[in-house]
Amino acid sequence: MEYLLRINDDDLMIDLGGIAKGYIADELRTFMCGCGCSEAVISLGGNITCIGNKQGKGYKIGIQKPFEGQGITATTVNVGQTSVVTSGIYERYFERNGRIYHHIIDNSTGFPAENNIASVTVICKDSMKADALSTALLCMGYDKACEYLKGQTDVRAIFIFRDGSISDIHG
């Protein structure tokens, strides 16, 4: 499949960083399955795609506890052939005068998204969709995200709030 996009304005740019790892994970899964791989975990730092179901047992995937060191989990999920993608404010940020400035930008303000969510993990078959949704849901805030998820039958989202509490929503 090939797409063509023309932009005739030198000041206009498109940044695909919000879905790039998801796209790459989907392509890697397709390639590996095409080579005969029946079970694997592809990890691209916050984007995990599973092939198969680990001999019927599923894969236990840890979801990082925000603002803690890598490997410290807030919760885990057991999944089969699906993707688990997390967006969070705790990886790339700085703090100044008690305020956190992170890399997830609210497109309506041009500033870091301001709400009580520290991370959103999306679980669904399509890694690129999960990649886009994890960022979008974080920017929406919890109430709007829950409303959006009501129409998504193939998506599960795990919200971790700044106070450490967790909400698990099945669309």
N, C-alpha and C. Protein backbone atom coordinates (compact mmCIF):
# COMPACT_ATOMS: atom_id res chain seq x y z
N MET A 1 0.84 -1.16 0.00
CA MET A 1 0.00 0.00 0.00
C MET A 1 0.90 1.24 0.00
N GLU A 2 0.62 2.18 -0.86
CA GLU A 2 1.43 3.38 -0.96
C GLU A 2 0.55 4.60 -0.81
N TYR A 3 1.04 5.58 -0.07
CA TYR A 3 0.31 6.82 0.13
C TYR A 3 1.15 7.99 -0.37
N LEU A 4 0.50 8.97 -0.92
CA LEU A 4 1.18 10.16 -1.40
C LEU A 4 0.56 11.37 -0.72
N LEU A 5 1.41 12.21 -0.19
CA LEU A 5 0.96 13.42 0.47
C LEU A 5 1.80 14.57 -0.06
N ARG A 6 1.14 15.61 -0.48
CA ARG A 6 1.84 16.81 -0.94
C ARG A 6 1.49 17.97 -0.04
N ILE A 7 2.52 18.69 0.37
CA ILE A 7 2.33 19.89 1.18
C ILE A 7 2.99 21.04 0.43
N ASN A 8 2.22 22.02 0.10
CA ASN A 8 2.74 23.16 -0.66
C ASN A 8 3.01 24.37 0.23
N ASP A 9 3.24 24.13 1.51
CA ASP A 9 3.51 25.19 2.46
C ASP A 9 4.77 24.82 3.23
N ASP A 10 5.83 25.63 3.06
CA ASP A 10 7.11 25.32 3.71
C ASP A 10 7.04 25.35 5.24
N ASP A 11 6.04 26.01 5.80
CA ASP A 11 5.90 26.10 7.25
C ASP A 11 5.08 24.96 7.84
N LEU A 12 4.54 24.09 7.01
CA LEU A 12 3.68 23.01 7.48
C LEU A 12 4.46 21.70 7.48
N MET A 13 4.36 20.96 8.60
CA MET A 13 5.05 19.68 8.73
C MET A 13 4.11 18.67 9.35
N ILE A 14 4.37 17.42 9.11
CA ILE A 14 3.65 16.33 9.75
C ILE A 14 4.67 15.48 10.51
N ASP A 15 4.39 15.24 11.77
CA ASP A 15 5.26 14.43 12.61
C ASP A 15 4.56 13.11 12.89
N LEU A 16 5.13 12.01 12.42
CA LEU A 16 4.53 10.69 12.62
C LEU A 16 5.10 9.96 13.82
N GLY A 17 5.80 10.69 14.69
CA GLY A 17 6.42 10.10 15.87
C GLY A 17 5.42 9.44 16.80
N GLY A 18 4.18 9.89 16.80
CA GLY A 18 3.16 9.33 17.68
C GLY A 18 2.68 7.95 17.28
N ILE A 19 3.02 7.51 16.06
CA ILE A 19 2.59 6.19 15.60
C ILE A 19 3.71 5.37 14.98
N ALA A 20 4.91 5.94 14.90
CA ALA A 20 6.01 5.29 14.18
C ALA A 20 6.38 3.93 14.77
N LYS A 21 6.55 3.86 16.09
CA LYS A 21 6.92 2.57 16.69
C LYS A 21 5.81 1.54 16.52
N GLY A 22 4.56 1.99 16.59
CA GLY A 22 3.44 1.08 16.37
C GLY A 22 3.44 0.52 14.96
N TYR A 23 3.69 1.37 13.99
CA TYR A 23 3.76 0.94 12.60
C TYR A 23 4.90 -0.06 12.41
N ILE A 24 6.05 0.26 12.98
CA ILE A 24 7.22 -0.64 12.86
C ILE A 24 6.92 -1.98 13.52
N ALA A 25 6.29 -1.97 14.69
CA ALA A 25 5.96 -3.22 15.38
C ALA A 25 5.02 -4.07 14.54
N ASP A 26 4.01 -3.44 13.91
CA ASP A 26 3.09 -4.18 13.04
C ASP A 26 3.83 -4.79 11.86
N GLU A 27 4.73 -4.02 11.26
CA GLU A 27 5.50 -4.53 10.12
C GLU A 27 6.43 -5.66 10.53
N LEU A 28 7.07 -5.54 11.68
CA LEU A 28 7.93 -6.62 12.18
C LEU A 28 7.13 -7.89 12.43
N ARG A 29 5.93 -7.74 13.03
CA ARG A 29 5.07 -8.90 13.28
C ARG A 29 4.72 -9.58 11.96
N THR A 30 4.32 -8.80 10.96
CA THR A 30 3.98 -9.35 9.65
C THR A 30 5.16 -10.08 9.04
N PHE A 31 6.34 -9.47 9.11
CA PHE A 31 7.55 -10.08 8.56
C PHE A 31 7.89 -11.38 9.27
N MET A 32 7.87 -11.35 10.61
CA MET A 32 8.24 -12.54 11.38
C MET A 32 7.25 -13.68 11.16
N CYS A 33 5.96 -13.37 11.11
CA CYS A 33 4.95 -14.40 10.84
C CYS A 33 5.15 -14.97 9.44
N GLY A 34 5.51 -14.11 8.50
CA GLY A 34 5.78 -14.56 7.13
C GLY A 34 6.98 -15.48 7.04
N CYS A 35 7.89 -15.37 7.99
CA CYS A 35 9.07 -16.23 8.03
C CYS A 35 8.82 -17.51 8.85
N GLY A 36 7.58 -17.68 9.30
CA GLY A 36 7.24 -18.90 10.04
C GLY A 36 7.27 -18.79 11.54
N CYS A 37 7.53 -17.62 12.07
CA CYS A 37 7.56 -17.45 13.53
C CYS A 37 6.14 -17.59 14.07
N SER A 38 5.97 -18.43 15.08
CA SER A 38 4.63 -18.64 15.65
C SER A 38 4.49 -18.10 17.07
N GLU A 39 5.62 -17.81 17.72
CA GLU A 39 5.57 -17.25 19.07
C GLU A 39 6.76 -16.33 19.28
N ALA A 40 6.48 -15.11 19.75
CA ALA A 40 7.55 -14.14 20.01
C ALA A 40 6.98 -12.92 20.71
N VAL A 41 7.88 -12.17 21.34
CA VAL A 41 7.54 -10.87 21.90
C VAL A 41 8.48 -9.86 21.24
N ILE A 42 7.91 -8.85 20.63
CA ILE A 42 8.66 -7.76 20.03
C ILE A 42 8.53 -6.57 20.97
N SER A 43 9.64 -6.08 21.49
CA SER A 43 9.61 -4.95 22.42
C SER A 43 10.38 -3.78 21.83
N LEU A 44 9.67 -2.67 21.66
CA LEU A 44 10.28 -1.46 21.10
C LEU A 44 10.20 -0.31 22.10
N GLY A 45 10.42 -0.58 23.37
CA GLY A 45 10.42 0.46 24.38
C GLY A 45 9.09 1.15 24.54
N GLY A 46 8.19 0.56 25.29
CA GLY A 46 6.86 1.11 25.47
C GLY A 46 5.85 0.56 24.49
N ASN A 47 6.32 -0.08 23.44
CA ASN A 47 5.47 -0.72 22.43
C ASN A 47 5.84 -2.19 22.38
N ILE A 48 4.90 -3.03 22.78
CA ILE A 48 5.14 -4.47 22.79
C ILE A 48 4.10 -5.13 21.91
N THR A 49 4.56 -6.01 21.04
CA THR A 49 3.66 -6.79 20.19
C THR A 49 3.97 -8.25 20.40
N CYS A 50 2.93 -9.03 20.66
CA CYS A 50 3.10 -10.46 20.91
C CYS A 50 2.59 -11.27 19.73
N ILE A 51 3.34 -12.30 19.39
CA ILE A 51 2.96 -13.24 18.34
C ILE A 51 2.64 -14.56 19.04
N GLY A 52 1.49 -15.14 18.74
CA GLY A 52 1.09 -16.40 19.37
C GLY A 52 0.61 -16.17 20.78
N ASN A 53 0.64 -17.23 21.58
CA ASN A 53 0.16 -17.10 22.96
C ASN A 53 0.99 -17.89 23.96
N LYS A 54 2.27 -18.08 23.67
CA LYS A 54 3.22 -18.74 24.57
C LYS A 54 2.71 -20.10 25.03
N GLN A 55 2.45 -20.95 24.04
CA GLN A 55 2.01 -22.32 24.28
C GLN A 55 0.75 -22.38 25.14
N GLY A 56 -0.17 -21.45 24.88
CA GLY A 56 -1.45 -21.43 25.57
C GLY A 56 -1.45 -20.73 26.92
N LYS A 57 -0.29 -20.28 27.37
CA LYS A 57 -0.19 -19.65 28.69
C LYS A 57 -0.34 -18.13 28.62
N GLY A 58 -0.13 -17.55 27.48
CA GLY A 58 -0.13 -16.09 27.35
C GLY A 58 1.18 -15.50 27.83
N TYR A 59 1.38 -14.25 27.51
CA TYR A 59 2.59 -13.53 27.91
C TYR A 59 2.25 -12.58 29.05
N LYS A 60 3.06 -12.59 30.08
CA LYS A 60 2.87 -11.68 31.21
C LYS A 60 3.70 -10.43 30.93
N ILE A 61 2.99 -9.32 30.74
CA ILE A 61 3.64 -8.06 30.38
C ILE A 61 3.50 -7.09 31.56
N GLY A 62 4.61 -6.55 32.01
CA GLY A 62 4.60 -5.58 33.10
C GLY A 62 4.35 -4.18 32.58
N ILE A 63 3.55 -3.43 33.31
CA ILE A 63 3.31 -2.02 32.99
C ILE A 63 4.04 -1.20 34.05
N GLN A 64 4.94 -0.36 33.57
CA GLN A 64 5.84 0.37 34.46
C GLN A 64 5.09 1.30 35.40
N LYS A 65 5.60 1.36 36.62
CA LYS A 65 5.09 2.32 37.60
C LYS A 65 5.70 3.68 37.24
N PRO A 66 4.84 4.67 36.94
CA PRO A 66 5.37 5.98 36.54
C PRO A 66 6.28 6.60 37.59
N PHE A 67 7.31 7.27 37.11
CA PHE A 67 8.29 7.99 37.93
C PHE A 67 9.14 7.08 38.79
N GLU A 68 9.15 5.78 38.51
CA GLU A 68 10.02 4.83 39.19
C GLU A 68 11.03 4.31 38.17
N GLY A 69 12.00 3.58 38.62
CA GLY A 69 13.01 3.04 37.73
C GLY A 69 12.43 1.98 36.81
N GLN A 70 13.11 1.76 35.69
CA GLN A 70 12.67 0.72 34.76
C GLN A 70 12.68 -0.62 35.46
N GLY A 71 11.66 -1.43 35.15
CA GLY A 71 11.54 -2.74 35.75
C GLY A 71 10.66 -2.76 37.00
N ILE A 72 10.28 -1.60 37.48
CA ILE A 72 9.36 -1.54 38.62
C ILE A 72 7.95 -1.40 38.06
N THR A 73 7.13 -2.41 38.31
CA THR A 73 5.82 -2.45 37.69
C THR A 73 4.72 -1.98 38.63
N ALA A 74 3.72 -1.34 38.02
CA ALA A 74 2.52 -0.93 38.75
C ALA A 74 1.50 -2.06 38.69
N THR A 75 1.49 -2.77 37.57
CA THR A 75 0.57 -3.89 37.38
C THR A 75 1.09 -4.73 36.21
N THR A 76 0.47 -5.87 35.98
CA THR A 76 0.82 -6.71 34.84
C THR A 76 -0.46 -7.11 34.11
N VAL A 77 -0.30 -7.48 32.85
CA VAL A 77 -1.41 -8.02 32.06
C VAL A 77 -0.94 -9.33 31.44
N ASN A 78 -1.86 -10.26 31.28
CA ASN A 78 -1.56 -11.51 30.61
C ASN A 78 -2.27 -11.48 29.26
N VAL A 79 -1.50 -11.55 28.18
CA VAL A 79 -2.07 -11.38 26.84
C VAL A 79 -1.58 -12.47 25.90
N GLY A 80 -2.33 -12.65 24.82
CA GLY A 80 -1.93 -13.53 23.73
C GLY A 80 -1.47 -12.67 22.57
N GLN A 81 -1.91 -13.01 21.39
CA GLN A 81 -1.47 -12.30 20.18
C GLN A 81 -2.14 -10.93 20.10
N THR A 82 -1.45 -9.93 20.61
CA THR A 82 -1.97 -8.56 20.64
C THR A 82 -0.81 -7.60 20.86
N SER A 83 -1.13 -6.32 20.99
CA SER A 83 -0.13 -5.29 21.29
C SER A 83 -0.46 -4.61 22.60
N VAL A 84 0.58 -4.22 23.30
CA VAL A 84 0.47 -3.51 24.57
C VAL A 84 1.36 -2.28 24.45
N VAL A 85 0.73 -1.10 24.40
CA VAL A 85 1.47 0.13 24.13
C VAL A 85 1.18 1.16 25.21
N THR A 86 2.24 1.74 25.76
CA THR A 86 2.10 2.72 26.84
C THR A 86 2.66 4.07 26.42
N SER A 87 1.89 5.12 26.74
CA SER A 87 2.37 6.51 26.65
C SER A 87 2.32 7.08 28.05
N GLY A 88 3.38 7.77 28.44
CA GLY A 88 3.41 8.32 29.78
C GLY A 88 4.20 9.61 29.85
N ILE A 89 3.96 10.35 30.91
CA ILE A 89 4.60 11.65 31.09
C ILE A 89 5.90 11.55 31.88
N TYR A 90 6.32 10.35 32.24
CA TYR A 90 7.42 10.13 33.18
C TYR A 90 8.75 9.78 32.53
N GLU A 91 8.78 9.59 31.23
CA GLU A 91 10.04 9.21 30.56
C GLU A 91 10.85 10.43 30.13
N ARG A 92 10.20 11.35 29.46
CA ARG A 92 10.89 12.54 28.95
C ARG A 92 10.20 13.76 29.54
N TYR A 93 10.81 14.30 30.57
CA TYR A 93 10.21 15.45 31.24
C TYR A 93 11.27 16.18 32.06
N PHE A 94 10.94 17.37 32.48
CA PHE A 94 11.72 18.05 33.49
C PHE A 94 10.74 18.73 34.44
N GLU A 95 11.24 19.05 35.61
CA GLU A 95 10.39 19.68 36.61
C GLU A 95 10.97 21.04 36.95
N ARG A 96 10.10 22.04 36.99
CA ARG A 96 10.54 23.39 37.34
C ARG A 96 9.47 24.04 38.20
N ASN A 97 9.88 24.56 39.33
CA ASN A 97 8.96 25.21 40.27
C ASN A 97 7.78 24.31 40.61
N GLY A 98 8.04 23.02 40.80
CA GLY A 98 7.00 22.08 41.19
C GLY A 98 6.08 21.63 40.07
N ARG A 99 6.34 22.06 38.84
CA ARG A 99 5.49 21.69 37.71
C ARG A 99 6.28 20.79 36.75
N ILE A 100 5.61 19.74 36.27
CA ILE A 100 6.23 18.81 35.33
C ILE A 100 5.95 19.26 33.90
N TYR A 101 7.00 19.36 33.11
CA TYR A 101 6.89 19.68 31.69
C TYR A 101 7.32 18.42 30.93
N HIS A 102 6.38 17.77 30.28
CA HIS A 102 6.66 16.51 29.60
C HIS A 102 6.48 16.65 28.10
N HIS A 103 6.71 15.57 27.38
CA HIS A 103 6.77 15.60 25.92
C HIS A 103 5.44 15.33 25.22
N ILE A 104 4.37 15.05 25.94
CA ILE A 104 3.09 14.76 25.30
C ILE A 104 2.30 16.07 25.23
N ILE A 105 2.20 16.60 24.04
CA ILE A 105 1.66 17.94 23.82
C ILE A 105 0.17 17.90 23.48
N ASP A 106 -0.59 18.74 24.16
CA ASP A 106 -2.02 18.92 23.87
C ASP A 106 -2.11 19.84 22.65
N ASN A 107 -2.67 19.31 21.57
CA ASN A 107 -2.69 20.10 20.34
C ASN A 107 -3.60 21.32 20.42
N SER A 108 -4.47 21.38 21.42
CA SER A 108 -5.35 22.56 21.54
C SER A 108 -4.65 23.72 22.26
N THR A 109 -3.58 23.42 23.02
CA THR A 109 -2.88 24.48 23.74
C THR A 109 -1.44 24.66 23.29
N GLY A 110 -0.84 23.63 22.72
CA GLY A 110 0.57 23.69 22.36
C GLY A 110 1.49 23.45 23.54
N PHE A 111 0.93 23.11 24.70
CA PHE A 111 1.69 22.85 25.90
C PHE A 111 1.50 21.39 26.33
N PRO A 112 2.33 20.92 27.27
CA PRO A 112 2.13 19.55 27.75
C PRO A 112 0.71 19.34 28.27
N ALA A 113 0.15 18.17 27.98
CA ALA A 113 -1.20 17.83 28.43
C ALA A 113 -1.27 17.97 29.95
N GLU A 114 -2.30 18.63 30.40
CA GLU A 114 -2.48 18.89 31.84
C GLU A 114 -3.69 18.13 32.36
N ASN A 115 -3.46 17.05 33.06
CA ASN A 115 -4.52 16.33 33.75
C ASN A 115 -3.86 15.43 34.80
N ASN A 116 -4.63 14.57 35.41
CA ASN A 116 -4.09 13.75 36.50
C ASN A 116 -3.58 12.39 36.04
N ILE A 117 -3.45 12.19 34.73
CA ILE A 117 -3.00 10.90 34.20
C ILE A 117 -1.47 10.90 34.06
N ALA A 118 -0.83 9.85 34.58
CA ALA A 118 0.62 9.69 34.42
C ALA A 118 0.95 8.80 33.23
N SER A 119 0.09 7.79 32.95
CA SER A 119 0.32 6.94 31.78
C SER A 119 -0.99 6.28 31.35
N VAL A 120 -1.02 5.93 30.08
CA VAL A 120 -2.13 5.16 29.52
C VAL A 120 -1.52 4.01 28.72
N THR A 121 -1.97 2.80 29.03
CA THR A 121 -1.56 1.62 28.27
C THR A 121 -2.78 1.14 27.49
N VAL A 122 -2.59 0.95 26.19
CA VAL A 122 -3.67 0.46 25.34
C VAL A 122 -3.32 -0.93 24.87
N ILE A 123 -4.30 -1.83 24.97
CA ILE A 123 -4.14 -3.21 24.53
C ILE A 123 -5.12 -3.44 23.40
N CYS A 124 -4.60 -3.74 22.22
CA CYS A 124 -5.43 -4.09 21.06
C CYS A 124 -4.55 -4.77 20.02
N LYS A 125 -5.17 -5.39 19.03
CA LYS A 125 -4.43 -6.17 18.03
C LYS A 125 -3.46 -5.32 17.22
N ASP A 126 -3.88 -4.13 16.83
CA ASP A 126 -3.13 -3.26 15.93
C ASP A 126 -2.21 -2.34 16.74
N SER A 127 -0.90 -2.53 16.61
CA SER A 127 0.05 -1.76 17.40
C SER A 127 0.04 -0.28 17.02
N MET A 128 -0.13 0.03 15.75
CA MET A 128 -0.17 1.43 15.34
C MET A 128 -1.39 2.13 15.94
N LYS A 129 -2.53 1.45 15.95
CA LYS A 129 -3.73 2.00 16.58
C LYS A 129 -3.50 2.20 18.08
N ALA A 130 -2.89 1.21 18.73
CA ALA A 130 -2.62 1.31 20.16
C ALA A 130 -1.67 2.48 20.45
N ASP A 131 -0.69 2.66 19.58
CA ASP A 131 0.28 3.75 19.73
C ASP A 131 -0.42 5.11 19.65
N ALA A 132 -1.27 5.28 18.65
CA ALA A 132 -2.00 6.54 18.49
C ALA A 132 -2.97 6.76 19.66
N LEU A 133 -3.70 5.71 20.03
CA LEU A 133 -4.69 5.85 21.09
C LEU A 133 -4.09 6.12 22.46
N SER A 134 -2.96 5.51 22.77
CA SER A 134 -2.38 5.72 24.10
C SER A 134 -2.04 7.19 24.31
N THR A 135 -1.52 7.83 23.28
CA THR A 135 -1.21 9.26 23.37
C THR A 135 -2.48 10.10 23.38
N ALA A 136 -3.40 9.78 22.49
CA ALA A 136 -4.65 10.56 22.39
C ALA A 136 -5.46 10.48 23.68
N LEU A 137 -5.58 9.29 24.25
CA LEU A 137 -6.35 9.12 25.48
C LEU A 137 -5.72 9.90 26.64
N LEU A 138 -4.39 9.91 26.69
CA LEU A 138 -3.72 10.68 27.73
C LEU A 138 -4.04 12.16 27.57
N CYS A 139 -4.00 12.66 26.36
CA CYS A 139 -4.30 14.08 26.10
C CYS A 139 -5.76 14.42 26.39
N MET A 140 -6.68 13.50 26.11
CA MET A 140 -8.11 13.74 26.31
C MET A 140 -8.46 13.97 27.78
N GLY A 141 -7.73 13.31 28.66
CA GLY A 141 -8.13 13.30 30.06
C GLY A 141 -9.07 12.13 30.29
N TYR A 142 -9.22 11.72 31.54
CA TYR A 142 -9.91 10.49 31.87
C TYR A 142 -11.37 10.47 31.44
N ASP A 143 -12.13 11.51 31.74
CA ASP A 143 -13.57 11.50 31.44
C ASP A 143 -13.84 11.39 29.94
N LYS A 144 -13.16 12.22 29.15
CA LYS A 144 -13.36 12.16 27.69
C LYS A 144 -12.86 10.83 27.12
N ALA A 145 -11.76 10.34 27.68
CA ALA A 145 -11.22 9.06 27.23
C ALA A 145 -12.22 7.93 27.48
N CYS A 146 -12.86 7.93 28.64
CA CYS A 146 -13.86 6.90 28.94
C CYS A 146 -15.03 6.97 27.98
N GLU A 147 -15.47 8.16 27.65
CA GLU A 147 -16.56 8.33 26.68
C GLU A 147 -16.15 7.78 25.33
N TYR A 148 -14.93 8.09 24.91
CA TYR A 148 -14.44 7.60 23.62
C TYR A 148 -14.37 6.07 23.61
N LEU A 149 -13.89 5.50 24.68
CA LEU A 149 -13.70 4.04 24.75
C LEU A 149 -15.01 3.27 24.70
N LYS A 150 -16.11 3.89 25.06
CA LYS A 150 -17.41 3.21 24.99
C LYS A 150 -17.72 2.72 23.58
N GLY A 151 -17.21 3.39 22.58
CA GLY A 151 -17.45 3.00 21.19
C GLY A 151 -16.38 2.08 20.61
N GLN A 152 -15.42 1.66 21.41
CA GLN A 152 -14.31 0.83 20.94
C GLN A 152 -14.42 -0.57 21.53
N THR A 153 -14.90 -1.53 20.77
CA THR A 153 -15.09 -2.88 21.31
C THR A 153 -13.81 -3.70 21.35
N ASP A 154 -12.78 -3.27 20.62
CA ASP A 154 -11.55 -4.05 20.52
C ASP A 154 -10.38 -3.45 21.29
N VAL A 155 -10.67 -2.54 22.22
CA VAL A 155 -9.61 -1.82 22.92
C VAL A 155 -9.80 -1.93 24.44
N ARG A 156 -8.70 -2.15 25.12
CA ARG A 156 -8.65 -2.10 26.59
C ARG A 156 -7.63 -1.02 26.95
N ALA A 157 -7.93 -0.20 27.92
CA ALA A 157 -7.01 0.86 28.33
C ALA A 157 -6.82 0.82 29.84
N ILE A 158 -5.56 0.91 30.24
CA ILE A 158 -5.22 0.95 31.65
C ILE A 158 -4.62 2.33 31.94
N PHE A 159 -5.30 3.07 32.80
CA PHE A 159 -4.87 4.40 33.19
C PHE A 159 -4.17 4.31 34.53
N ILE A 160 -3.00 4.92 34.62
CA ILE A 160 -2.32 5.07 35.90
C ILE A 160 -2.25 6.56 36.18
N PHE A 161 -2.78 6.94 37.32
CA PHE A 161 -2.88 8.35 37.67
C PHE A 161 -1.65 8.79 38.45
N ARG A 162 -1.48 10.09 38.53
CA ARG A 162 -0.31 10.65 39.23
C ARG A 162 -0.25 10.22 40.69
N ASP A 163 -1.39 9.93 41.29
CA ASP A 163 -1.40 9.49 42.69
C ASP A 163 -1.13 7.98 42.83
N GLY A 164 -0.93 7.29 41.70
CA GLY A 164 -0.61 5.86 41.72
C GLY A 164 -1.82 4.96 41.55
N SER A 165 -3.02 5.50 41.60
CA SER A 165 -4.21 4.66 41.42
C SER A 165 -4.34 4.23 39.96
N ILE A 166 -5.08 3.14 39.75
CA ILE A 166 -5.18 2.51 38.43
C ILE A 166 -6.64 2.29 38.08
N SER A 167 -6.98 2.54 36.81
CA SER A 167 -8.31 2.25 36.28
C SER A 167 -8.15 1.43 35.01
N ASP A 168 -8.85 0.32 34.93
CA ASP A 168 -8.78 -0.61 33.79
C ASP A 168 -10.13 -0.58 33.07
N ILE A 169 -10.14 -0.06 31.84
CA ILE A 169 -11.38 0.12 31.08
C ILE A 169 -11.36 -0.79 29.86
N HIS A 170 -12.42 -1.58 29.70
CA HIS A 170 -12.59 -2.40 28.50
C HIS A 170 -13.61 -1.70 27.62
N GLY A 171 -13.19 -1.37 26.39
CA GLY A 171 -14.08 -0.66 25.47
C GLY A 171 -15.24 -1.51 25.02
